[in-house]
C-alpha cells in the first residue's frame, strides 16, 4: 500500500480518482474472499468473484451468481460494506476517516473530493462530505428500521428480519441493485408498503447529494435568505419528469401485454416501480423478460440517462440530458444562450454535456458491436439492455449476465467501472493535465446541417 500511494499523488486529480477506485476494487476483492464469506461447499471462479466485486463497488447490481445461495451472513455484511464504498464514494469515505483520526484535509485531498463529486470549487467540499455521510447513513437507518419491523411478520426470527431489512435498505439507498431474496423484489409484487419504502430510498440515493443538502437547509429554516441553486432546480424537475414519463410510457406499452391481467393499481405500481428503478436502482417487481421489446428499449434509454450528478448512480446523468434538451429548444427558437429559471447556463457546461453524450453513445455503440460478436447467440435487445444497465450502473438484466463469456464479463466490468467513475473523470484521465491555450488562430465559419 505504501509504495502505491506516493505514485498516486503524482497523478492528475482525475487519474488519482480512477486509481483510488481501482484500489477500492482490490480491497473489496479481498473482503469478499475472507474466510467465512462463502457458504460451505461453495466455490466461485475468480472472474465471477471479481465481477461481483466491481458490480458492488460501482453499485450496479449485475451479478453472475445468486447472492443468497453463495454468501454467508458474514459475506453479506462484507457486501454491504463494499456497497458503502461505491455509494458514498471513495474520497468521501477517505475524508471521513481522515477527519476521525484528526488528519488535516489538504489542497490535494480537496481537489480529489471536488473531482469525485463533480464540484466546481474547493469551497465547502469537506463540509459537503460530512453532510453526505450523515444524510446517507440516516436515510439507510430509517429505511432499515421501517423494513425490519415490517419484515418481522414474514420471518421466524428477528435476526432474519433484521438482515433482510438492513440489506434491502442499504441496497436501495446506494442503488446497489443486489438482493438476498434470490428473486429481486418479485416476492413483494403486491406489497405496496415495501415497494413505496424502496422507491423512496432509491430516489433519495439517486437524486443527488447537493439536492438533499439544500432540502435539509430549506427545511431547517436557518437561513432566511436561502434559495435553491440552479443545479437543484434543474435536477429535481428533470428527475421528476423522467419518473413521470417513464411510468406513463411503461404503463402504456405493457397495458395490453404483461399488465393485461393486473388491476389498475397493481399495473400503476408496477410501472412506477420499474420507472423509479430504471434510474439506477436495478431492482424489479416483475419478470421484465416478459416485457415487449419496445418497453425494454425504452428502459435501456432511461438507464443510459441514469441518475443525477454527485449521487450514487451512473449514466450520462440527468443534468447532462437536461442541458442538451434545453440547448435544442433554445437553438430552435433562434437563441444562442440557454436561459432557465432566470439564469443562463455557462457555455462550457453545454460543451461538457455534448462531449459526455457523444462519448457515452460511442462507448455503448462499440460495446454493443463487441458483445454481439463475442455472444452471437444473444438477441441485440438483450445485449443493448445489459450494456446500458452496466454503463448506467443500474443492474437490471434480461437474464443473460451469467451466460456471458469471460470477454463479455470483462467488458461489462469495464462499463460498470466507467459508469461509476463518471465520463468527465474518464475524459480527464485520458487527456491528462489541463493546459491553457497561449494563442488563438483566426476564426472561420463552417457550414453545418
Protein backbone atom coordinates (compact mmCIF):
# COMPACT_ATOMS: atom_id res chain seq x y z
CA UNK A 1 0.00 0.00 0.00
CA UNK A 2 2.77 2.49 0.96
CA UNK A 3 4.65 2.28 -2.40
CA UNK A 4 1.36 2.80 -4.29
CA UNK A 5 0.13 6.00 -2.58
CA UNK A 6 3.15 8.22 -3.47
CA UNK A 7 2.70 7.24 -7.13
CA UNK A 8 -0.99 8.14 -6.99
CA UNK A 9 -0.13 11.58 -5.57
CA UNK A 10 1.93 12.33 -8.71
CA UNK A 11 -1.09 11.78 -10.95
CA UNK A 12 -3.63 14.38 -12.03
CA UNK A 13 -6.72 14.58 -9.76
CA UNK A 14 -8.88 12.70 -12.30
CA UNK A 15 -6.24 10.00 -12.76
CA UNK A 16 -5.88 9.74 -8.97
CA UNK A 17 -9.65 9.24 -8.57
CA UNK A 18 -9.57 6.38 -11.08
CA UNK A 19 -6.56 4.87 -9.28
CA UNK A 20 -8.32 5.05 -5.91
CA UNK A 21 -11.33 3.23 -7.36
CA UNK A 22 -9.01 0.53 -8.68
CA UNK A 23 -7.55 0.34 -5.18
CA UNK A 24 -11.07 0.08 -3.72
CA UNK A 25 -11.80 -2.84 -6.06
CA UNK A 26 -8.63 -4.60 -4.90
CA UNK A 27 -9.53 -4.09 -1.21
CA UNK A 28 -13.13 -5.16 -1.83
CA UNK A 29 -11.98 -8.28 -3.65
CA UNK A 30 -10.00 -9.13 -0.54
CA UNK A 31 -13.06 -8.60 1.68
CA UNK A 32 -15.15 -10.95 -0.47
CA UNK A 33 -12.52 -13.67 -0.19
CA UNK A 34 -12.08 -13.64 3.58
CA UNK A 35 -12.61 -16.90 5.48
CA UNK A 36 -16.28 -17.42 6.26
CA UNK A 37 -17.57 -15.31 3.37
CA UNK A 38 -18.80 -18.23 1.25
CA UNK A 39 -21.27 -20.84 2.33
CA UNK A 40 -19.84 -24.35 2.97
CA UNK A 41 -19.02 -26.19 -0.25
CA UNK A 42 -19.46 -23.11 -2.46
CA UNK A 43 -16.67 -22.31 -4.91
CA UNK A 44 -16.69 -19.19 -7.06
CA UNK A 45 -14.43 -18.71 -10.08
CA UNK A 46 -12.03 -15.75 -9.94
CA UNK A 47 -13.71 -13.95 -12.86
CA UNK A 48 -17.12 -14.29 -11.16
CA UNK A 49 -15.78 -13.09 -7.80
CA UNK A 50 -14.14 -10.10 -9.48
CA UNK A 51 -17.35 -9.39 -11.40
CA UNK A 52 -19.34 -9.27 -8.14
CA UNK A 53 -16.69 -7.00 -6.59
CA UNK A 54 -16.73 -4.50 -9.46
CA UNK A 55 -20.53 -4.59 -9.53
CA UNK A 56 -20.65 -3.80 -5.79
CA UNK A 57 -18.02 -1.02 -5.87
CA UNK A 58 -19.81 0.55 -8.83
CA UNK A 59 -23.17 -0.02 -7.04
CA UNK A 60 -24.58 -1.64 -10.18
CA UNK A 61 -26.09 -4.92 -9.04
CA UNK A 62 -25.44 -7.07 -12.10
CA UNK A 63 -24.40 -10.50 -10.85
CA UNK A 64 -23.37 -13.84 -12.29
CA UNK A 65 -24.08 -15.62 -9.01
CA UNK A 66 -27.02 -15.95 -6.63
CA UNK A 67 -26.11 -13.80 -3.63
CA UNK A 68 -28.38 -15.61 -1.14
CA UNK A 69 -27.05 -19.04 -2.15
CA UNK A 70 -23.38 -18.02 -2.29
CA UNK A 71 -22.61 -15.83 0.74
CA UNK A 72 -22.99 -16.38 4.46
CA UNK A 73 -24.36 -13.67 6.75
CA UNK A 74 -20.77 -12.50 7.22
CA UNK A 75 -20.30 -12.40 3.44
CA UNK A 76 -23.50 -10.38 3.05
CA UNK A 77 -22.19 -7.93 5.69
CA UNK A 78 -18.96 -7.55 3.67
CA UNK A 79 -21.05 -6.89 0.56
CA UNK A 80 -22.95 -4.13 2.39
CA UNK A 81 -19.64 -2.50 3.40
CA UNK A 82 -18.49 -2.55 -0.23
CA UNK A 83 -21.80 -1.00 -1.33
CA UNK A 84 -21.00 1.86 1.04
CA UNK A 85 -17.61 2.28 -0.71
CA UNK A 86 -19.36 2.79 -4.02
CA UNK A 87 -22.44 4.62 -2.78
CA UNK A 88 -20.81 7.25 -0.60
CA UNK A 89 -17.70 7.45 -2.78
CA UNK A 90 -14.10 6.55 -2.18
CA UNK A 91 -12.93 10.10 -1.46
CA UNK A 92 -15.90 10.76 0.83
CA UNK A 93 -15.11 7.73 2.97
CA UNK A 94 -11.40 8.52 2.92
CA UNK A 95 -12.07 12.10 4.02
CA UNK A 96 -14.34 10.91 6.81
CA UNK A 97 -11.62 8.57 8.11
CA UNK A 98 -9.05 11.39 7.91
CA UNK A 99 -11.35 13.62 9.96
CA UNK A 100 -11.89 10.88 12.55
CA UNK A 101 -8.16 10.43 13.10
CA UNK A 102 -7.61 14.21 13.16
CA UNK A 103 -5.72 14.46 9.85
CA UNK A 104 -5.74 17.83 8.13
CA UNK A 105 -7.50 17.89 4.77
CA UNK A 106 -5.02 19.47 2.38
CA UNK A 107 -5.37 21.08 -1.05
CA UNK A 108 -4.68 17.79 -2.85
CA UNK A 109 -7.43 15.96 -0.97
CA UNK A 110 -9.86 18.81 -1.62
CA UNK A 111 -9.06 18.59 -5.35
CA UNK A 112 -9.87 14.88 -5.35
CA UNK A 113 -13.13 15.42 -3.47
CA UNK A 114 -14.09 18.15 -5.93
CA UNK A 115 -13.48 15.87 -8.93
CA UNK A 116 -15.15 12.82 -7.36
CA UNK A 117 -18.34 14.75 -6.57
CA UNK A 118 -18.43 16.99 -9.67
CA UNK A 119 -17.98 20.20 -7.70
CA UNK A 120 -16.76 23.46 -9.30
CA UNK A 121 -14.71 24.84 -6.39
CA UNK A 122 -12.80 23.84 -3.26
CA UNK A 123 -15.09 25.89 -1.04
CA UNK A 124 -17.03 23.77 1.45
CA UNK A 125 -16.05 20.38 0.00
CA UNK A 126 -15.09 18.91 3.38
CA UNK A 127 -18.37 20.06 4.94
CA UNK A 128 -20.12 18.59 1.88
CA UNK A 129 -18.57 15.19 2.56
CA UNK A 130 -19.55 15.23 6.24
CA UNK A 131 -23.14 16.12 5.35
CA UNK A 132 -23.28 13.46 2.61
CA UNK A 133 -22.24 10.71 5.00
CA UNK A 134 -24.60 11.88 7.75
CA UNK A 135 -27.58 12.14 5.40
CA UNK A 136 -26.93 8.84 3.61
CA UNK A 137 -26.43 6.87 6.82
CA UNK A 138 -29.53 8.46 8.35
CA UNK A 139 -31.61 7.51 5.30
CA UNK A 140 -30.29 3.94 5.45
CA UNK A 141 -31.00 3.72 9.19
CA UNK A 142 -34.59 4.95 8.88
CA UNK A 143 -35.21 2.66 5.91
CA UNK A 144 -33.72 -0.30 7.79
CA UNK A 145 -35.95 0.35 10.84
CA UNK A 146 -39.14 0.54 8.77
CA UNK A 147 -38.33 -2.53 6.69
CA UNK A 148 -37.05 -4.64 9.61
CA UNK A 149 -40.13 -4.02 11.72
CA UNK A 150 -42.34 -4.80 8.73
CA UNK A 151 -40.40 -7.96 7.82
CA UNK A 152 -40.85 -9.46 11.30
CA UNK A 153 -44.24 -10.76 10.14
CA UNK A 154 -42.61 -12.74 7.32
CA UNK A 155 -39.60 -14.27 9.11
CA UNK A 156 -39.46 -16.61 12.10
CA UNK A 157 -36.67 -14.79 13.92
CA UNK A 158 -35.89 -11.11 14.41
CA UNK A 159 -32.31 -11.64 13.21
CA UNK A 160 -33.58 -12.83 9.81
CA UNK A 161 -35.90 -9.84 9.52
CA UNK A 162 -33.04 -7.54 10.57
CA UNK A 163 -30.69 -8.96 7.93
CA UNK A 164 -33.32 -8.61 5.21
CA UNK A 165 -34.33 -5.12 6.34
CA UNK A 166 -30.81 -3.71 6.65
CA UNK A 167 -29.61 -5.19 3.37
CA UNK A 168 -32.72 -4.05 1.50
CA UNK A 169 -32.29 -0.51 2.86
CA UNK A 170 -28.56 -0.32 2.04
CA UNK A 171 -29.04 -1.82 -1.43
CA UNK A 172 -31.91 0.54 -2.28
CA UNK A 173 -30.32 3.71 -0.87
CA UNK A 174 -26.98 3.09 -2.58
CA UNK A 175 -28.88 1.98 -5.70
CA UNK A 176 -26.83 -1.21 -5.41
CA UNK A 177 -29.39 -3.41 -7.14
CA UNK A 178 -28.40 -6.51 -5.15
CA UNK A 179 -30.91 -8.66 -3.28
CA UNK A 180 -30.78 -11.59 -0.88
CA UNK A 181 -34.25 -12.90 -1.68
CA UNK A 182 -32.97 -14.61 -4.81
CA UNK A 183 -35.81 -13.02 -6.79
CA UNK A 184 -35.14 -9.30 -6.52
CA UNK A 185 -38.38 -7.56 -5.36
CA UNK A 186 -40.73 -10.01 -7.11
CA UNK A 187 -41.85 -11.58 -3.78
CA UNK A 188 -43.20 -8.11 -2.85
CA UNK A 189 -45.02 -7.50 -6.12
CA UNK A 190 -48.33 -6.96 -4.32
CA UNK A 191 -46.82 -5.36 -1.22
CA UNK A 192 -47.20 -1.64 -1.79
CA UNK A 193 -45.62 -0.71 1.55
CA UNK A 194 -42.30 -2.41 0.77
CA UNK A 195 -42.40 -1.04 -2.77
CA UNK A 196 -43.09 2.50 -1.56
CA UNK A 197 -40.26 2.46 1.00
CA UNK A 198 -37.88 1.01 -1.58
CA UNK A 199 -38.83 3.61 -4.21
CA UNK A 200 -38.30 6.44 -1.73
CA UNK A 201 -34.87 5.08 -0.79
CA UNK A 202 -33.85 4.68 -4.45
CA UNK A 203 -34.96 8.23 -5.26
CA UNK A 204 -33.14 9.72 -2.26
CA UNK A 205 -29.95 7.94 -3.29
CA UNK A 206 -30.19 8.86 -6.98
CA UNK A 207 -31.46 12.44 -6.93
CA UNK A 208 -28.08 13.87 -5.88
CA UNK A 209 -26.48 14.73 -2.54
CA UNK A 210 -26.49 18.53 -3.15
CA UNK A 211 -30.28 18.36 -3.61
CA UNK A 212 -30.68 16.56 -0.27
CA UNK A 213 -28.35 19.00 1.49
CA UNK A 214 -30.18 22.04 0.11
CA UNK A 215 -33.54 20.50 1.01
CA UNK A 216 -32.27 19.95 4.56
CA UNK A 217 -31.13 23.59 4.74
CA UNK A 218 -34.52 24.77 3.43
CA UNK A 219 -36.48 22.69 5.94
CA UNK A 220 -34.28 23.76 8.86
CA UNK A 221 -35.05 27.42 8.00
CA UNK A 222 -31.66 28.52 9.38
CA UNK A 223 -31.03 30.99 6.55
CA UNK A 224 -33.88 33.43 5.95
CA UNK A 225 -32.44 34.35 2.52
CA UNK A 226 -31.98 30.75 1.41
CA UNK A 227 -32.72 29.91 -2.23
CA UNK A 228 -32.32 26.68 -4.16
CA UNK A 229 -29.42 26.56 -6.60
CA UNK A 230 -29.92 26.23 -10.36
CA UNK A 231 -28.45 22.72 -10.12
CA UNK A 232 -31.12 21.63 -7.64
CA UNK A 233 -33.94 23.16 -9.68
CA UNK A 234 -32.83 21.54 -12.96
CA UNK A 235 -32.08 18.21 -11.27
CA UNK A 236 -35.37 17.98 -9.40
CA UNK A 237 -37.54 18.97 -12.37
CA UNK A 238 -35.69 16.66 -14.79
CA UNK A 239 -35.67 13.76 -12.32
CA UNK A 240 -39.39 14.15 -11.63
CA UNK A 241 -40.32 14.45 -15.32
CA UNK A 242 -38.27 11.35 -16.22
CA UNK A 243 -40.01 9.34 -13.50
CA UNK A 244 -43.42 10.54 -14.65
CA UNK A 245 -42.74 9.94 -18.34
CA UNK A 246 -41.20 6.55 -17.52
CA UNK A 247 -44.27 5.47 -15.58
CA UNK A 248 -46.70 6.60 -18.29
CA UNK A 249 -44.73 5.03 -21.16
CA UNK A 250 -44.16 1.68 -19.42
CA UNK A 251 -47.82 1.58 -18.39
CA UNK A 252 -48.97 2.37 -21.94
CA UNK A 253 -46.63 -0.14 -23.60
CA UNK A 254 -47.46 -3.01 -21.23
CA UNK A 255 -51.13 -2.31 -20.54
CA UNK A 256 -52.25 -4.93 -23.08
CA UNK A 257 -49.23 -7.18 -22.66
CA UNK A 258 -47.73 -8.22 -19.32
CA UNK A 259 -50.11 -5.93 -17.35
CA UNK A 260 -53.31 -7.15 -19.01
CA UNK A 261 -54.38 -9.36 -16.05
CA UNK A 262 -53.46 -6.81 -13.38
CA UNK A 263 -55.80 -4.42 -11.57
CA UNK A 264 -55.32 -0.73 -12.33
CA UNK A 265 -53.46 -0.03 -9.08
CA UNK A 266 -51.27 -3.12 -9.49
CA UNK A 267 -50.34 -2.06 -13.02
CA UNK A 268 -49.70 1.53 -11.88
CA UNK A 269 -47.38 0.46 -9.04
CA UNK A 270 -45.57 -1.99 -11.32
CA UNK A 271 -44.95 0.69 -13.96
CA UNK A 272 -43.98 3.24 -11.33
CA UNK A 273 -41.52 0.92 -9.59
CA UNK A 274 -39.81 -0.06 -12.86
CA UNK A 275 -39.60 3.63 -13.83
CA UNK A 276 -38.00 4.56 -10.49
CA UNK A 277 -35.66 1.58 -10.56
CA UNK A 278 -34.50 2.25 -14.12
CA UNK A 279 -32.90 5.49 -12.89
CA UNK A 280 -30.14 3.24 -11.39
CA UNK A 281 -31.89 1.17 -8.71
CA UNK A 282 -31.78 -2.14 -10.58
CA UNK A 283 -34.50 -3.90 -8.57
CA UNK A 284 -37.62 -5.28 -10.27
CA UNK A 285 -41.05 -6.39 -9.06
CA UNK A 286 -41.92 -8.46 -12.15
CA UNK A 287 -40.13 -10.63 -14.68
CA UNK A 288 -39.01 -7.97 -17.17
CA UNK A 289 -38.17 -10.62 -19.78
CA UNK A 290 -41.94 -10.68 -20.38
CA UNK A 291 -41.91 -7.02 -21.40
CA UNK A 292 -42.14 -6.16 -25.09
CA UNK A 293 -39.00 -5.19 -27.00
CA UNK A 294 -40.28 -1.62 -27.16
CA UNK A 295 -40.52 -1.42 -23.36
CA UNK A 296 -37.04 -2.87 -22.83
CA UNK A 297 -35.55 -0.47 -25.39
CA UNK A 298 -37.26 2.42 -23.60
CA UNK A 299 -35.91 1.23 -20.24
CA UNK A 300 -32.47 1.00 -21.86
CA UNK A 301 -32.75 4.68 -22.77
CA UNK A 302 -33.71 5.52 -19.18
CA UNK A 303 -30.72 3.58 -17.84
CA UNK A 304 -28.46 5.38 -20.34
CA UNK A 305 -29.58 8.73 -18.87
CA UNK A 306 -29.12 7.39 -15.34
CA UNK A 307 -29.21 9.30 -12.07
CA UNK A 308 -28.14 12.81 -11.06
CA UNK A 309 -24.55 14.04 -10.65
CA UNK A 310 -22.98 13.68 -7.20
CA UNK A 311 -25.27 10.78 -6.39
CA UNK A 312 -24.89 7.02 -6.08
CA UNK A 313 -25.93 6.45 -9.72
CA UNK A 314 -24.26 6.44 -13.13
CA UNK A 315 -25.21 7.11 -16.74
CA UNK A 316 -24.78 10.40 -18.58
CA UNK A 317 -26.69 11.98 -15.65
CA UNK A 318 -29.92 13.97 -15.57
CA UNK A 319 -28.36 17.44 -15.82
CA UNK A 320 -26.42 16.41 -18.93
CA UNK A 321 -29.65 15.28 -20.56
CA UNK A 322 -31.50 18.42 -19.40
CA UNK A 323 -28.86 20.83 -20.72
CA UNK A 324 -28.80 19.04 -24.09
CA UNK A 325 -32.60 19.28 -24.39
CA UNK A 326 -32.65 22.91 -23.24
CA UNK A 327 -29.98 23.77 -25.79
CA UNK A 328 -32.03 22.21 -28.60
CA UNK A 329 -35.17 24.07 -27.50
CA UNK A 330 -33.37 27.43 -27.28
CA UNK A 331 -31.49 26.84 -30.55
CA UNK A 332 -34.78 26.06 -32.32
CA UNK A 333 -36.08 29.40 -31.04
CA UNK A 334 -33.08 31.19 -32.52
CA UNK A 335 -31.34 31.84 -29.18
CA UNK A 336 -27.61 31.43 -28.60
CA UNK A 337 -27.91 31.17 -24.82
CA UNK A 338 -29.70 28.73 -22.55
CA UNK A 339 -31.95 30.64 -20.18
CA UNK A 340 -33.79 28.74 -17.45
CA UNK A 341 -35.12 29.73 -14.00
CA UNK A 342 -33.93 33.33 -14.60
CA UNK A 343 -30.36 32.15 -15.05
CA UNK A 344 -28.03 31.48 -18.00
CA UNK A 345 -26.04 28.27 -18.25
CA UNK A 346 -22.31 28.53 -18.94
CA UNK A 347 -21.23 27.57 -22.45
CA UNK A 348 -18.58 25.23 -21.01
CA UNK A 349 -21.35 23.17 -19.39
CA UNK A 350 -23.05 22.83 -22.78
CA UNK A 351 -19.76 21.65 -24.30
CA UNK A 352 -19.28 19.15 -21.48
CA UNK A 353 -22.82 17.85 -21.81
CA UNK A 354 -22.48 17.11 -25.51
CA UNK A 355 -18.98 15.69 -25.00
CA UNK A 356 -20.40 13.26 -22.42
CA UNK A 357 -23.36 12.30 -24.63
CA UNK A 358 -21.18 11.73 -27.70
CA UNK A 359 -18.56 9.71 -25.80
CA UNK A 360 -21.24 7.68 -23.99
CA UNK A 361 -23.00 6.94 -27.28
CA UNK A 362 -19.75 5.73 -28.85
CA UNK A 363 -19.00 3.57 -25.81
CA UNK A 364 -22.44 1.95 -25.92
CA UNK A 365 -22.27 1.52 -29.71
CA UNK A 366 -18.83 -0.12 -29.78
CA UNK A 367 -19.64 -2.22 -26.71
CA UNK A 368 -22.80 -3.45 -28.44
CA UNK A 369 -20.83 -4.42 -31.53
CA UNK A 370 -18.15 -6.16 -29.45
CA UNK A 371 -20.65 -8.07 -27.31
CA UNK A 372 -22.74 -9.11 -30.32
CA UNK A 373 -19.58 -10.63 -31.83
CA UNK A 374 -18.48 -12.41 -28.64
CA UNK A 375 -22.01 -13.53 -27.73
CA UNK A 376 -23.61 -14.38 -31.14
CA UNK A 377 -26.49 -16.38 -29.62
CA UNK A 378 -27.88 -13.42 -27.64
CA UNK A 379 -30.51 -11.04 -29.02
CA UNK A 380 -29.46 -7.48 -29.79
CA UNK A 381 -32.15 -6.15 -27.43
CA UNK A 382 -30.76 -8.17 -24.50
CA UNK A 383 -27.22 -7.01 -25.34
CA UNK A 384 -28.15 -3.32 -25.50
CA UNK A 385 -30.15 -3.70 -22.29
CA UNK A 386 -27.17 -5.31 -20.50
CA UNK A 387 -24.72 -2.68 -21.75
CA UNK A 388 -26.85 0.33 -20.82
CA UNK A 389 -27.58 -1.28 -17.46
CA UNK A 390 -23.85 -1.63 -16.78
CA UNK A 391 -22.99 1.87 -18.03
CA UNK A 392 -25.87 3.41 -16.08
CA UNK A 393 -24.85 1.34 -13.00
CA UNK A 394 -28.46 0.20 -12.86
CA UNK A 395 -28.29 -3.59 -12.53
CA UNK A 396 -31.39 -4.64 -14.43
CA UNK A 397 -30.87 -7.59 -16.77
CA UNK A 398 -32.83 -9.75 -19.17
CA UNK A 399 -31.16 -12.80 -17.65
CA UNK A 400 -28.03 -13.02 -19.78
CA UNK A 401 -25.37 -11.95 -17.26
CA UNK A 402 -24.42 -15.44 -16.09
CA UNK A 403 -24.32 -16.67 -19.71
CA UNK A 404 -21.67 -14.19 -20.82
CA UNK A 405 -18.21 -15.36 -21.86
CA UNK A 406 -15.14 -14.19 -19.95
CA UNK A 407 -14.68 -11.47 -22.59
CA UNK A 408 -18.31 -10.40 -22.15
CA UNK A 409 -17.98 -10.29 -18.36
CA UNK A 410 -14.77 -8.25 -18.65
CA UNK A 411 -16.44 -5.76 -20.99
CA UNK A 412 -19.39 -5.36 -18.62
CA UNK A 413 -16.97 -4.81 -15.71
CA UNK A 414 -15.24 -2.01 -17.65
CA UNK A 415 -18.60 -0.39 -18.39
CA UNK A 416 -19.67 -0.58 -14.74
CA UNK A 417 -16.38 0.98 -13.68
CA UNK A 418 -16.60 3.83 -16.21
CA UNK A 419 -20.24 4.42 -15.26
CA UNK A 420 -19.37 4.80 -11.59
CA UNK A 421 -16.26 6.94 -12.04
CA UNK A 422 -18.09 9.21 -14.47
CA UNK A 423 -17.28 10.20 -18.03
CA UNK A 424 -15.89 13.63 -17.07
CA UNK A 425 -13.27 11.98 -14.86
CA UNK A 426 -12.73 9.35 -17.56
CA UNK A 427 -12.14 12.05 -20.19
CA UNK A 428 -9.76 13.96 -17.92
CA UNK A 429 -7.92 10.71 -17.17
CA UNK A 430 -7.24 10.22 -20.87
CA UNK A 431 -6.47 13.87 -21.52
CA UNK A 432 -4.04 14.32 -18.64
CA UNK A 433 -3.35 17.72 -17.10
CA UNK A 434 -5.35 20.82 -18.01
CA UNK A 435 -3.43 23.24 -20.24
CA UNK A 436 -4.12 26.86 -21.11
CA UNK A 437 -4.02 27.91 -24.75
CA UNK A 438 -1.43 30.69 -25.17
CA UNK A 439 -2.50 31.81 -28.63
CA UNK A 440 -5.54 31.67 -30.95
CA UNK A 441 -5.93 31.19 -34.70
CA UNK A 442 -8.31 33.30 -36.82
CA UNK A 443 -11.89 32.05 -36.53
CA UNK A 444 -13.79 30.86 -39.58
CA UNK A 445 -17.41 29.69 -40.01
CA UNK A 446 -18.18 26.12 -41.11
CA UNK A 447 -21.35 25.03 -42.94
CA UNK A 448 -23.47 22.87 -40.57
CA UNK A 449 -26.50 20.70 -41.30
